[in-house]
Protein backbone atom coordinates (compact mmCIF):
# COMPACT_ATOMS: atom_id res chain seq x y z
CA MET A 1 109.49 61.37 61.88
CA ALA A 2 107.86 63.79 64.26
CA SER A 3 103.56 63.92 64.50
CA ALA A 4 102.16 67.58 63.82
CA ALA A 5 101.43 67.81 66.93
CA GLU A 6 104.56 67.03 68.56
CA GLN A 7 105.89 69.55 66.01
CA LEU A 8 103.52 71.93 67.18
CA ALA A 9 103.99 71.24 70.23
CA ALA A 10 107.75 71.71 70.00
CA ASN A 11 107.16 75.11 68.39
CA MET A 12 104.72 76.37 70.98
CA ASN A 13 106.21 78.80 73.40
CA PHE A 14 104.80 77.23 77.05
CA GLY A 15 106.69 79.73 78.76
CA ALA A 16 105.39 83.16 76.63
CA PHE A 17 104.01 84.23 80.21
CA ALA A 18 106.85 83.93 82.22
CA LYS A 19 108.52 85.99 78.80
CA ALA A 20 105.39 88.21 78.79
CA THR A 21 107.23 91.02 80.30
CA GLU A 22 104.79 93.74 79.04
CA LEU A 23 101.53 91.63 80.27
CA HIS A 24 103.65 91.63 83.47
CA LYS A 25 103.83 94.94 84.07
CA ARG A 26 99.89 95.55 82.49
CA ILE A 27 98.88 93.73 85.31
CA TRP A 28 101.08 95.43 87.92
CA PHE A 29 100.17 99.56 87.00
CA THR A 30 96.44 97.95 87.19
CA LEU A 31 96.69 96.30 90.37
CA TRP A 32 99.16 99.47 91.71
CA ALA A 33 96.06 101.18 90.27
CA LEU A 34 93.14 99.86 92.03
CA VAL A 35 95.55 99.67 95.53
CA ILE A 36 95.84 103.64 95.08
CA TYR A 37 92.63 103.80 94.55
CA ARG A 38 91.38 101.88 97.82
CA VAL A 39 93.73 103.99 99.77
CA GLY A 40 91.97 107.27 98.77
CA THR A 41 89.01 105.68 99.89
CA TYR A 42 89.62 106.02 103.59
CA ILE A 43 91.02 109.46 103.38
CA PRO A 44 88.11 111.65 104.44
CA ILE A 45 87.84 115.41 103.19
CA PRO A 46 88.95 117.93 105.41
CA GLY A 47 86.46 119.04 108.09
CA ILE A 48 84.10 116.57 109.43
CA ASP A 49 83.85 114.27 112.65
CA PRO A 50 83.89 110.78 110.55
CA GLU A 51 82.40 109.07 113.43
CA VAL A 52 79.49 111.50 113.85
CA PHE A 53 79.08 111.33 109.98
CA ARG A 54 79.51 107.15 109.85
CA GLN A 55 76.40 107.24 113.06
CA THR A 56 74.45 109.79 110.40
CA PHE A 57 74.74 107.26 107.48
CA GLN A 58 73.44 105.07 108.81
CA GLN A 59 69.83 106.59 109.76
CA GLN A 60 70.32 107.37 106.02
CA THR A 61 71.52 104.78 103.52
CA GLN A 62 68.75 105.33 101.51
CA GLY A 63 69.95 108.84 100.14
CA ILE A 64 71.76 109.81 97.70
CA LEU A 65 74.83 109.10 99.86
CA GLY A 66 73.84 105.42 100.29
CA MET A 67 73.30 104.91 96.54
CA VAL A 68 76.97 105.60 95.87
CA ASN A 69 78.57 103.81 98.70
CA LEU A 70 77.96 100.57 96.69
CA PHE A 71 80.10 101.44 93.84
CA SER A 72 82.61 103.40 95.80
CA GLY A 73 83.10 100.41 98.12
CA GLY A 74 82.83 101.91 101.37
CA ALA A 75 84.16 105.62 100.48
CA VAL A 76 80.44 107.42 101.12
CA GLU A 77 80.25 105.76 104.33
CA ARG A 78 83.55 107.43 105.39
CA MET A 79 83.17 110.25 103.26
CA ALA A 80 86.52 110.13 101.73
CA ILE A 81 88.18 111.98 99.39
CA PHE A 82 87.14 109.34 96.05
CA ALA A 83 83.17 109.62 97.27
CA LEU A 84 81.61 110.76 94.20
CA ASN A 85 83.78 107.57 92.47
CA VAL A 86 83.42 107.88 88.79
CA MET A 87 79.46 108.32 88.84
CA PRO A 88 79.82 111.47 87.06
CA TYR A 89 81.98 110.71 84.59
CA ILE A 90 79.14 107.80 84.02
CA SER A 91 76.72 110.51 83.87
CA ALA A 92 78.86 112.68 81.37
CA SER A 93 79.42 109.57 79.12
CA ILE A 94 75.47 109.07 78.81
CA ILE A 95 74.69 112.60 78.26
CA VAL A 96 77.56 112.95 75.71
CA GLN A 97 76.16 109.70 74.03
CA LEU A 98 72.44 110.85 74.21
CA MET A 99 73.61 113.69 72.40
CA GLY A 100 75.58 111.86 69.82
CA ALA A 101 72.64 110.64 68.66
CA VAL A 102 70.46 113.11 68.54
CA TYR A 103 72.38 116.54 68.17
CA PRO A 104 73.52 117.00 64.17
CA PRO A 105 77.25 118.24 64.88
CA TRP A 106 78.00 115.32 67.61
CA GLU A 107 76.61 112.98 65.37
CA LYS A 108 78.45 113.81 62.69
CA LEU A 109 81.71 113.72 65.14
CA ARG A 110 80.83 110.22 66.51
CA LYS A 111 79.74 108.61 62.93
CA GLU A 112 82.08 110.76 60.43
CA GLY A 113 84.83 112.20 62.88
CA GLY A 114 87.13 109.10 63.04
CA GLU A 115 89.55 108.65 65.58
CA ALA A 116 89.72 112.68 65.79
CA GLY A 117 86.06 112.52 66.44
CA ARG A 118 86.35 110.27 69.20
CA LYS A 119 89.09 111.93 70.96
CA GLN A 120 87.08 115.08 70.49
CA LEU A 121 83.66 113.75 72.40
CA ASN A 122 85.93 112.48 74.77
CA GLN A 123 87.07 115.85 75.50
CA TYR A 124 83.35 116.92 75.84
CA THR A 125 82.60 114.03 78.46
CA ARG A 126 85.57 115.49 80.52
CA TYR A 127 84.54 118.65 80.31
CA LEU A 128 81.04 117.75 81.33
CA THR A 129 82.66 115.45 84.41
CA VAL A 130 84.09 118.56 86.20
CA ALA A 131 80.60 120.51 85.25
CA LEU A 132 78.65 117.31 87.33
CA ALA A 133 81.09 116.45 89.80
CA LEU A 134 80.86 120.23 91.28
CA PHE A 135 77.45 119.78 90.87
CA GLN A 136 77.21 116.73 93.24
CA SER A 137 80.02 117.66 95.39
CA ALA A 138 78.56 121.31 95.79
CA GLY A 139 74.69 119.04 96.59
CA ILE A 140 76.66 116.87 99.42
CA ALA A 141 78.54 120.28 101.18
CA PHE A 142 75.30 121.51 101.47
CA SER A 143 73.69 118.57 102.81
CA LEU A 144 76.78 117.94 105.11
CA GLN A 145 76.47 121.22 106.49
CA ALA A 146 72.92 120.89 107.04
CA GLN A 147 73.55 118.01 109.27
CA PRO A 148 74.50 119.12 113.08
CA GLY A 149 77.36 117.56 114.20
CA VAL A 150 79.25 116.67 110.74
CA VAL A 151 81.01 119.35 110.65
CA ASP A 152 83.60 120.83 113.35
CA ALA A 153 82.63 124.03 114.08
CA ASN A 154 85.81 125.24 112.84
CA ALA A 155 85.48 124.39 109.43
CA SER A 156 81.66 125.13 108.95
CA GLY A 157 81.03 127.82 106.54
CA VAL A 158 81.95 129.08 103.18
CA ILE A 159 85.26 127.42 103.56
CA PHE A 160 83.94 123.95 104.34
CA ILE A 161 81.76 124.12 101.25
CA ILE A 162 84.85 125.34 98.86
CA SER A 163 86.97 122.70 100.34
CA THR A 164 84.60 120.34 99.54
CA ILE A 165 83.56 120.84 96.24
CA VAL A 166 87.54 121.48 95.12
CA THR A 167 88.16 118.24 97.02
CA LEU A 168 85.39 115.77 95.38
CA THR A 169 85.50 116.93 92.10
CA GLY A 170 89.42 116.67 92.21
CA GLY A 171 89.09 112.73 93.30
CA THR A 172 86.73 112.27 90.44
CA MET A 173 88.77 113.78 88.27
CA PHE A 174 92.00 112.09 89.15
CA LEU A 175 89.96 108.54 88.85
CA MET A 176 89.03 109.06 85.77
CA TRP A 177 92.23 109.96 84.48
CA LEU A 178 93.28 106.44 86.67
CA GLY A 179 90.52 104.56 84.56
CA GLU A 180 92.05 105.87 81.36
CA GLN A 181 95.31 105.15 82.45
CA ILE A 182 94.21 101.71 83.45
CA THR A 183 92.53 101.00 80.20
CA ALA A 184 95.62 102.30 78.07
CA ARG A 185 98.63 101.08 80.22
CA GLY A 186 97.23 97.98 82.29
CA VAL A 187 94.50 95.40 81.65
CA GLY A 188 90.83 95.57 81.26
CA ASN A 189 88.29 98.76 80.81
CA GLY A 190 89.32 101.04 83.67
CA VAL A 191 86.07 102.70 84.55
CA SER A 192 84.72 98.97 84.96
CA LEU A 193 87.42 97.73 86.81
CA ILE A 194 87.45 100.67 89.60
CA ILE A 195 83.59 100.24 89.93
CA PHE A 196 84.87 96.52 90.15
CA ALA A 197 87.12 97.24 92.96
CA GLY A 198 84.96 99.17 95.04
CA ILE A 199 82.65 96.53 95.21
CA VAL A 200 84.24 93.59 95.15
CA ALA A 201 86.18 95.38 98.80
CA ALA A 202 82.64 95.87 100.15
CA LEU A 203 81.02 92.16 99.93
CA PRO A 204 83.05 90.77 102.72
CA ILE A 205 81.70 93.55 105.13
CA SER A 206 78.05 92.66 103.45
CA LEU A 207 78.64 89.03 104.07
CA TRP A 208 79.99 89.45 107.46
CA THR A 209 77.04 91.64 108.53
CA LEU A 210 74.52 89.51 107.11
CA LEU A 211 75.91 86.51 109.13
CA GLN A 212 75.89 88.54 112.27
CA GLN A 213 72.34 89.45 111.74
CA VAL A 214 71.48 85.88 111.03
CA MET A 215 73.28 84.42 114.82
CA VAL A 216 71.47 87.30 116.51
CA GLY A 217 68.26 86.18 115.14
CA ALA A 218 67.71 89.62 113.27
CA VAL A 219 67.41 87.47 109.82
CA SER A 220 66.39 84.09 109.32
CA SER A 221 68.70 81.11 108.20
CA PHE A 222 65.70 80.79 105.50
CA ILE A 223 65.72 83.80 104.12
CA LEU A 224 70.35 83.49 104.17
CA LEU A 225 69.83 80.28 102.05
CA LEU A 226 67.18 81.84 100.09
CA LEU A 227 70.05 84.69 99.32
CA ALA A 228 72.71 81.96 98.95
CA VAL A 229 70.56 79.80 96.13
CA MET A 230 69.99 83.67 94.64
CA ALA A 231 73.79 84.17 94.35
CA VAL A 232 74.58 81.05 93.15
CA ALA A 233 71.58 80.86 90.12
CA VAL A 234 72.60 84.48 89.21
CA VAL A 235 75.98 83.67 89.23
CA ILE A 236 75.37 80.95 86.51
CA ALA A 237 72.68 83.12 84.48
CA ILE A 238 75.35 86.00 84.22
CA VAL A 239 78.06 83.38 82.57
CA PHE A 240 75.45 81.44 80.09
CA MET A 241 73.81 84.69 78.76
CA GLU A 242 77.42 86.91 78.55
CA ARG A 243 78.75 83.71 76.70
CA SER A 244 75.44 83.07 74.56
CA GLN A 245 74.97 84.49 71.21
CA ARG A 246 73.59 83.78 67.36
CA ARG A 247 75.94 82.83 65.07
CA LEU A 248 75.03 83.95 61.49
CA LEU A 249 76.79 82.50 58.89
CA ILE A 250 78.35 84.41 56.13
CA GLN A 251 79.32 83.11 52.46
CA TYR A 252 82.48 84.39 50.58
CA PRO A 253 81.70 84.12 46.54
CA LYS A 254 84.46 82.30 44.80
CA ARG A 255 86.91 84.66 42.28
CA GLN A 256 89.70 83.46 40.26
CA VAL A 257 93.34 85.32 40.54
CA GLY A 258 94.67 83.85 37.59
CA ASN A 259 95.40 80.30 37.65
CA ARG A 260 93.86 79.69 40.88
CA MET A 261 89.94 79.60 42.31
CA MET A 262 90.07 81.68 45.45
CA GLY A 263 87.37 82.31 48.12
CA GLY A 264 84.36 80.39 48.45
CA GLU A 265 84.92 80.24 52.03
CA SER A 266 82.13 80.45 54.76
CA SER A 267 82.48 82.25 58.49
CA PHE A 268 80.27 83.55 61.09
CA LEU A 269 78.88 86.84 62.65
CA PRO A 270 78.30 86.41 66.29
CA LEU A 271 76.08 88.87 67.98
CA LYS A 272 75.78 88.75 71.75
CA ILE A 273 72.95 88.42 73.26
CA ASN A 274 73.61 91.26 76.11
CA THR A 275 75.71 93.51 74.07
CA ALA A 276 75.66 96.35 75.70
CA GLY A 277 77.39 94.53 78.81
CA VAL A 278 76.89 96.33 81.99
CA ILE A 279 76.81 99.48 80.99
CA PRO A 280 72.75 99.49 81.38
CA PRO A 281 72.66 98.81 85.02
CA ILE A 282 75.99 101.67 85.57
CA PHE A 283 74.21 104.22 83.77
CA ALA A 284 70.74 103.95 85.12
CA SER A 285 72.13 104.15 88.77
CA SER A 286 73.83 107.29 87.92
CA LEU A 287 70.71 108.94 86.60
CA LEU A 288 68.54 107.93 89.34
CA LEU A 289 70.92 109.80 91.34
CA LEU A 290 69.87 113.38 89.77
CA PRO A 291 66.93 114.16 91.74
CA ALA A 292 68.54 113.26 94.80
CA THR A 293 71.75 115.49 94.35
CA ALA A 294 69.29 118.33 93.21
CA ALA A 295 67.42 118.00 96.22
CA GLY A 296 70.58 118.39 98.20
CA PHE A 297 70.94 122.16 97.67
CA MET A 298 68.14 123.14 99.58
CA LYS A 299 65.74 122.52 102.75
CA PRO A 300 62.26 121.62 102.43
CA GLU A 301 61.22 124.19 104.36
CA THR A 302 63.34 126.62 102.63
CA MET A 303 62.49 125.73 98.64
CA PRO A 304 60.13 127.74 96.95
CA GLY A 305 56.83 127.24 95.58
CA TRP A 306 57.67 125.46 92.04
CA ALA A 307 60.00 123.26 94.33
CA GLN A 308 57.91 121.42 96.57
CA TRP A 309 57.17 118.85 94.34
CA LEU A 310 60.86 117.87 94.31
CA PRO A 311 61.36 116.11 98.61
CA GLU A 312 58.40 113.90 97.22
CA VAL A 313 60.25 112.92 93.88
CA VAL A 314 63.17 111.86 96.03
CA ARG A 315 61.43 110.22 98.12
CA HIS A 316 59.89 107.48 96.08
CA LEU A 317 63.20 107.43 94.01
CA GLN A 318 64.68 105.95 96.83
CA HIS A 319 65.49 102.22 97.35
CA GLY A 320 62.63 99.35 98.44
CA GLN A 321 60.51 102.52 96.67
CA PRO A 322 57.85 100.63 93.82
CA VAL A 323 58.57 103.71 92.08
CA TYR A 324 62.38 103.11 92.17
CA ILE A 325 61.66 99.95 90.92
CA VAL A 326 59.87 100.51 88.22
CA VAL A 327 61.94 103.63 86.78
CA TYR A 328 65.24 101.44 87.51
CA GLY A 329 64.06 98.88 85.32
CA LEU A 330 62.81 100.88 82.77
CA LEU A 331 65.82 102.79 82.73
CA ILE A 332 67.91 99.33 82.23
CA ILE A 333 66.07 98.43 79.00
CA PHE A 334 66.28 101.71 77.49
CA PHE A 335 70.26 101.48 78.20
CA CYS A 336 70.07 98.18 77.02
CA PHE A 337 68.36 99.41 73.60
CA PHE A 338 70.46 102.38 73.21
CA TYR A 339 73.31 101.23 74.31
CA THR A 340 73.18 98.56 71.24
CA SER A 341 72.59 100.92 69.15
CA ILE A 342 75.66 102.70 69.63
CA VAL A 343 78.41 99.50 69.66
CA PHE A 344 76.50 98.20 66.75
CA ASN A 345 75.71 99.70 63.65
CA PRO A 346 73.91 97.51 61.17
CA ASP A 347 74.42 99.80 57.99
CA ASP A 348 77.73 99.88 58.76
CA THR A 349 78.33 96.58 58.98
CA ALA A 350 76.34 95.27 56.20
CA GLU A 351 78.51 98.15 54.27
CA ASN A 352 81.66 96.33 55.22
CA LEU A 353 80.26 92.62 53.91
CA ARG A 354 78.64 94.03 51.07
CA LYS A 355 82.38 95.37 50.43
CA TYR A 356 84.43 92.63 51.32
CA GLY A 357 81.72 89.97 49.17
CA GLY A 358 80.34 88.56 51.99
CA PHE A 359 76.43 88.00 52.28
CA LEU A 360 73.74 86.38 54.37
CA PRO A 361 72.56 83.34 52.92
CA GLY A 362 68.96 84.40 51.40
CA ILE A 363 69.50 87.86 52.12
CA ARG A 364 70.17 90.33 49.25
CA PRO A 365 73.63 92.42 50.16
CA GLY A 366 72.87 96.03 51.10
CA LYS A 367 70.04 97.47 52.79
CA ARG A 368 68.21 94.11 52.92
CA THR A 369 71.48 92.75 54.86
CA ALA A 370 71.06 95.84 57.55
CA GLU A 371 67.27 95.19 57.60
CA TYR A 372 67.73 91.63 58.98
CA LEU A 373 70.51 92.66 61.18
CA ASP A 374 68.94 95.04 63.05
CA TYR A 375 65.38 92.83 63.07
CA VAL A 376 67.97 90.04 64.51
CA LEU A 377 70.13 92.22 66.84
CA SER A 378 66.47 94.10 68.37
CA ARG A 379 64.85 90.54 69.05
CA LEU A 380 67.96 89.67 71.31
CA THR A 381 68.62 93.17 72.59
CA VAL A 382 64.54 92.49 74.02
CA ILE A 383 66.08 88.96 75.94
CA GLY A 384 69.12 90.45 76.76
CA ALA A 385 67.68 93.72 78.57
CA ALA A 386 64.55 91.03 79.95
CA TYR A 387 67.78 89.31 81.92
CA ILE A 388 69.80 92.24 83.50
CA ALA A 389 66.24 93.96 84.76
CA ALA A 390 65.37 90.71 86.17
CA VAL A 391 69.29 90.04 87.39
CA CYS A 392 69.23 93.15 88.81
CA LEU A 393 65.50 93.85 90.14
CA ILE A 394 65.95 90.77 92.36
CA PRO A 395 67.36 91.74 95.27
CA GLU A 396 65.30 95.12 95.02
CA ILE A 397 61.95 92.87 95.15
CA MET A 398 63.37 90.63 97.95
CA VAL A 399 64.60 93.27 100.32
CA SER A 400 61.33 95.29 99.59
CA PHE A 401 58.60 92.54 99.54
CA MET A 402 59.99 89.60 101.24
CA GLY A 403 61.93 91.13 103.91
CA ALA A 404 65.58 90.49 103.19
CA PRO A 405 68.28 92.53 104.89
CA GLN A 406 70.11 95.81 103.16
CA THR A 407 72.98 93.80 102.22
CA ALA A 408 70.98 91.51 99.80
CA ARG A 409 71.65 94.61 97.19
CA ALA A 410 75.19 94.01 97.87
CA LEU A 411 75.20 90.14 96.93
CA GLY A 412 73.25 89.77 94.37
CA GLY A 413 72.08 91.85 90.97
CA THR A 414 73.91 94.62 89.66
CA SER A 415 77.01 93.99 92.17
CA ILE A 416 77.62 90.56 90.94
CA LEU A 417 76.64 91.59 87.80
CA ILE A 418 79.62 93.78 87.40
CA VAL A 419 81.81 91.76 89.59
CA VAL A 420 81.73 88.64 86.87
CA SER A 421 81.16 90.29 83.55
CA VAL A 422 84.19 92.43 84.44
CA THR A 423 85.91 89.16 85.55
CA MET A 424 85.47 87.77 82.51
CA ASP A 425 86.43 90.58 80.31
CA THR A 426 89.45 91.47 82.38
CA VAL A 427 90.67 87.22 81.68
CA ALA A 428 89.71 87.41 77.80
CA GLN A 429 92.64 90.25 77.74
CA ILE A 430 94.71 88.54 79.60
CA GLN A 431 94.24 85.31 77.30
CA SER A 432 94.45 87.39 74.49
CA HIS A 433 97.69 88.83 75.40
CA LEU A 434 99.22 85.48 75.86
CA LEU A 435 97.73 83.93 72.80
CA ALA A 436 99.87 87.31 71.37
CA HIS A 437 103.02 85.91 72.85
CA GLN A 438 102.64 82.68 72.15
CA TYR A 439 102.37 83.52 68.28
CA GLU A 440 105.13 85.75 68.23
CA GLY A 441 107.01 82.94 69.76
CA LEU A 442 105.72 80.64 67.05
CA ILE A 443 106.75 82.90 64.19
CA LYS A 444 109.93 84.02 65.78
CA LYS A 445 110.92 80.31 65.37
CA SER A 446 109.39 79.72 62.25
CA LYS A 447 112.06 82.11 60.75
CA LEU A 448 115.39 81.07 62.61
CA ARG A 449 114.60 77.63 61.29
CA GLY A 450 113.71 78.71 57.66
CA ALA A 451 117.43 80.79 58.08
CA LYS A 452 119.20 77.84 59.36
CA ARG A 453 118.19 76.20 56.25
């Protein structure tokens, strides 16, 4: 007689991956969508001289154009049609989620609207994305117009500004749509994968640039070794912290159903240390673009008196400035708490536990359970926020105070956090699809055997 393990092995659908045609389609759809995105990052907007702009860009890597170049995979450096990437969409998401917490009609949609309310808020996010993309693309258009030699003489003027605004805004809207399609028809989160693809595409170039600097003596070997150790340590820390969780014991009381006793079981409620994921640094980076975007509309000498402070604020909010490091860290911490409060509601969780008869040992159901969950989650978020802020600020501090090259930003901190976290989430989704196919194979085989009997 075969053992239970042998029977399970016989029933297991080990060819699930080969037969998982739906998963194959999702993976191929995701890959082709990312290929289309990468092709678009090499198509320049009409009316500019790419070579002149590239030379100008090398002198302005600290400004508005350089801040999003990392997330766009070099599209800003080439001033491609996808130069704005999905940053306006992320900024719109920030504003809508903030308004959903303080504006009563939107708060009602978020809490009580269900699926219809979520769709309505998503529609508001799309409308706001268009407005922000128009605003940011106009800032870029005026900035390009003000730089000598960048815009072709035949293309300058109102026509260039209008065409640039339309092109950049259309590129952002296309990427927003593409991200939604990846989420619905592919694997992983579409917007996160688009940012992930841009960072991964820029990493080899940054690494090669760093090695060239070491070979010519511009960067010391010690700095290179320090960056390598930092990158390995950051990856290990990210994997450890992203998989860490606090497991709260939940018990269910026994109850009698007919002549049988049901229940009396226990389970766990997992609370991640970093519930917010990679959202806080992305939100913080996107928000820091707004002052620089506003400054791009006007030249310092033509600014009105009330706006003379804007260039100084923008200067302090550049990479490497102490004010930028402090503001960036504070924004990351704020968005850690804010986004955690959105994705996890202690009151709803406590109500669901009470509804199904579950309770935390030693904690009364209802309000007391919600307060305890909020207490535990707040303590976990403090650790998670400190971890994310430290990971993202390490390369900034190394560049500003330890003499590390500018490429250190692309080889550590925010970029590694996004790459590792998105990779883990995507792999987890693929494993979930494979596991679902394995269960389907087990169910089908068990039904067939039951029919034979």
